Amino acid sequence: MSNITSKIELTVELDANRVPEKLHWTAQDGGISNEEAKAMMLAVWDSKTQETLRIDLWTKDMPVDEMKVFFHQTLVAMSDTFNRATQDEKMTATMKDFCDYFAEKLEIKK
């Protein structure tokens, strides 16, 4: 039996001050090829150190109103993932309540 490998690639173009100007990503298995993005969050679990390692990047032209929506949608997605991973319905509901509160306070329309 051979292992199957799937590759996800991120490309970051930086300005002279090393501030992201452009972000592109490719995930061939998902049908994504060199698509532009304005922001990204990547979290990786390091089992040895029991720590989350993160890369959070956004381009300097990412509008603040879009960043707020990006955060809201990411929080909602994390709630869904938490539920799938743990089946903890009670905490998932609490997380969803926070997502609703977050959207309300930022006046993000659903």
Protein backbone atom coordinates (compact mmCIF):
# COMPACT_ATOMS: atom_id res chain seq x y z
CA MET A 1 0.00 0.00 0.00
CA SER A 2 1.44 3.37 -1.00
CA ASN A 3 0.90 6.63 0.85
CA ILE A 4 -0.95 9.43 -0.87
CA THR A 5 0.48 12.92 -0.55
CA SER A 6 -1.50 16.13 -0.88
CA LYS A 7 0.30 19.46 -1.04
CA ILE A 8 -0.94 22.90 0.00
CA GLU A 9 1.30 25.77 -1.04
CA LEU A 10 1.34 29.38 0.20
CA THR A 11 3.22 32.18 -1.53
CA VAL A 12 3.77 35.54 0.17
CA GLU A 13 5.05 38.57 -1.76
CA LEU A 14 6.65 41.11 0.59
CA ASP A 15 7.48 44.78 0.17
CA ALA A 16 10.90 46.23 1.11
CA ASN A 17 9.83 46.32 4.79
CA ARG A 18 8.75 42.65 4.66
CA VAL A 19 5.06 43.57 4.88
CA PRO A 20 2.83 41.22 2.85
CA GLU A 21 1.69 42.80 -0.41
CA LYS A 22 0.18 39.70 -2.02
CA LEU A 23 -0.85 36.26 -0.82
CA HIS A 24 -1.51 33.32 -3.15
CA TRP A 25 -2.38 29.72 -2.39
CA THR A 26 -2.56 26.47 -4.27
CA ALA A 27 -4.31 23.24 -3.24
CA GLN A 28 -4.44 21.04 -6.34
CA ASP A 29 -6.66 18.41 -4.66
CA GLY A 30 -9.20 21.15 -3.93
CA GLY A 31 -9.02 22.60 -7.43
CA ILE A 32 -7.28 25.77 -6.22
CA SER A 33 -4.38 27.04 -8.33
CA ASN A 34 -2.48 30.20 -7.40
CA GLU A 35 -5.58 31.97 -6.06
CA GLU A 36 -5.12 35.39 -4.50
CA ALA A 37 -6.13 35.98 -0.89
CA LYS A 38 -6.07 39.11 1.27
CA ALA A 39 -5.60 37.33 4.60
CA MET A 40 -4.76 33.91 6.03
CA MET A 41 -4.54 32.18 9.38
CA LEU A 42 -2.69 28.91 9.73
CA ALA A 43 -2.54 26.98 13.01
CA VAL A 44 -0.42 23.85 13.51
CA TRP A 45 -0.42 21.69 16.66
CA ASP A 46 3.04 20.76 17.95
CA SER A 47 2.43 17.61 19.99
CA LYS A 48 5.94 17.59 21.48
CA THR A 49 5.69 21.06 23.01
CA GLN A 50 1.87 20.94 23.41
CA GLU A 51 1.65 24.32 21.69
CA THR A 52 -0.17 25.84 18.77
CA LEU A 53 2.15 27.38 16.19
CA ARG A 54 0.56 30.09 14.09
CA ILE A 55 1.07 32.17 11.00
CA ASP A 56 -1.36 35.09 10.65
CA LEU A 57 -0.83 37.26 7.58
CA TRP A 58 -2.83 39.89 5.76
CA THR A 59 -1.97 42.22 2.92
CA LYS A 60 -1.59 45.91 3.58
CA ASP A 61 -4.60 46.59 1.37
CA MET A 62 -6.93 44.27 3.34
CA PRO A 63 -9.89 46.49 4.33
CA VAL A 64 -10.67 46.57 8.06
CA ASP A 65 -14.38 45.85 7.45
CA GLU A 66 -13.42 42.72 5.49
CA MET A 67 -11.00 41.71 8.28
CA LYS A 68 -13.87 41.85 10.78
CA VAL A 69 -16.00 39.58 8.57
CA PHE A 70 -12.98 37.27 8.04
CA PHE A 71 -12.55 36.94 11.81
CA HIS A 72 -16.25 36.30 12.34
CA GLN A 73 -16.40 33.61 9.66
CA THR A 74 -13.20 32.04 11.04
CA LEU A 75 -14.67 31.91 14.55
CA VAL A 76 -17.86 30.28 13.21
CA ALA A 77 -15.78 27.74 11.27
CA MET A 78 -13.69 27.00 14.37
CA SER A 79 -16.91 26.36 16.31
CA ASP A 80 -18.05 23.89 13.65
CA THR A 81 -14.65 22.17 13.62
CA PHE A 82 -14.60 22.01 17.43
CA ASN A 83 -17.99 20.29 17.34
CA ARG A 84 -16.89 17.75 14.72
CA ALA A 85 -13.67 17.03 16.61
CA THR A 86 -15.12 16.77 20.14
CA GLN A 87 -18.90 16.28 19.82
CA ASP A 88 -19.16 18.75 22.73
CA GLU A 89 -22.56 20.25 21.90
CA LYS A 90 -22.74 22.44 25.01
CA MET A 91 -19.42 24.21 24.41
CA THR A 92 -20.18 24.48 20.69
CA ALA A 93 -23.44 26.30 21.53
CA THR A 94 -21.49 28.64 23.84
CA MET A 95 -18.97 29.32 21.09
CA LYS A 96 -21.79 30.03 18.59
CA ASP A 97 -23.36 32.44 21.11
CA PHE A 98 -20.04 34.29 21.25
CA CYS A 99 -19.91 34.38 17.43
CA ASP A 100 -23.37 35.96 17.39
CA TYR A 101 -22.29 38.48 20.06
CA PHE A 102 -19.10 39.26 18.08
CA ALA A 103 -21.12 39.89 14.89
CA GLU A 104 -23.66 42.02 16.76
CA LYS A 105 -21.02 44.19 18.43
CA LEU A 106 -19.16 44.71 15.13
CA GLU A 107 -22.48 45.27 13.34
CA ILE A 108 -21.68 42.55 10.82
CA LYS A 109 -24.75 41.57 8.85
CA LYS A 110 -25.30 37.84 8.35
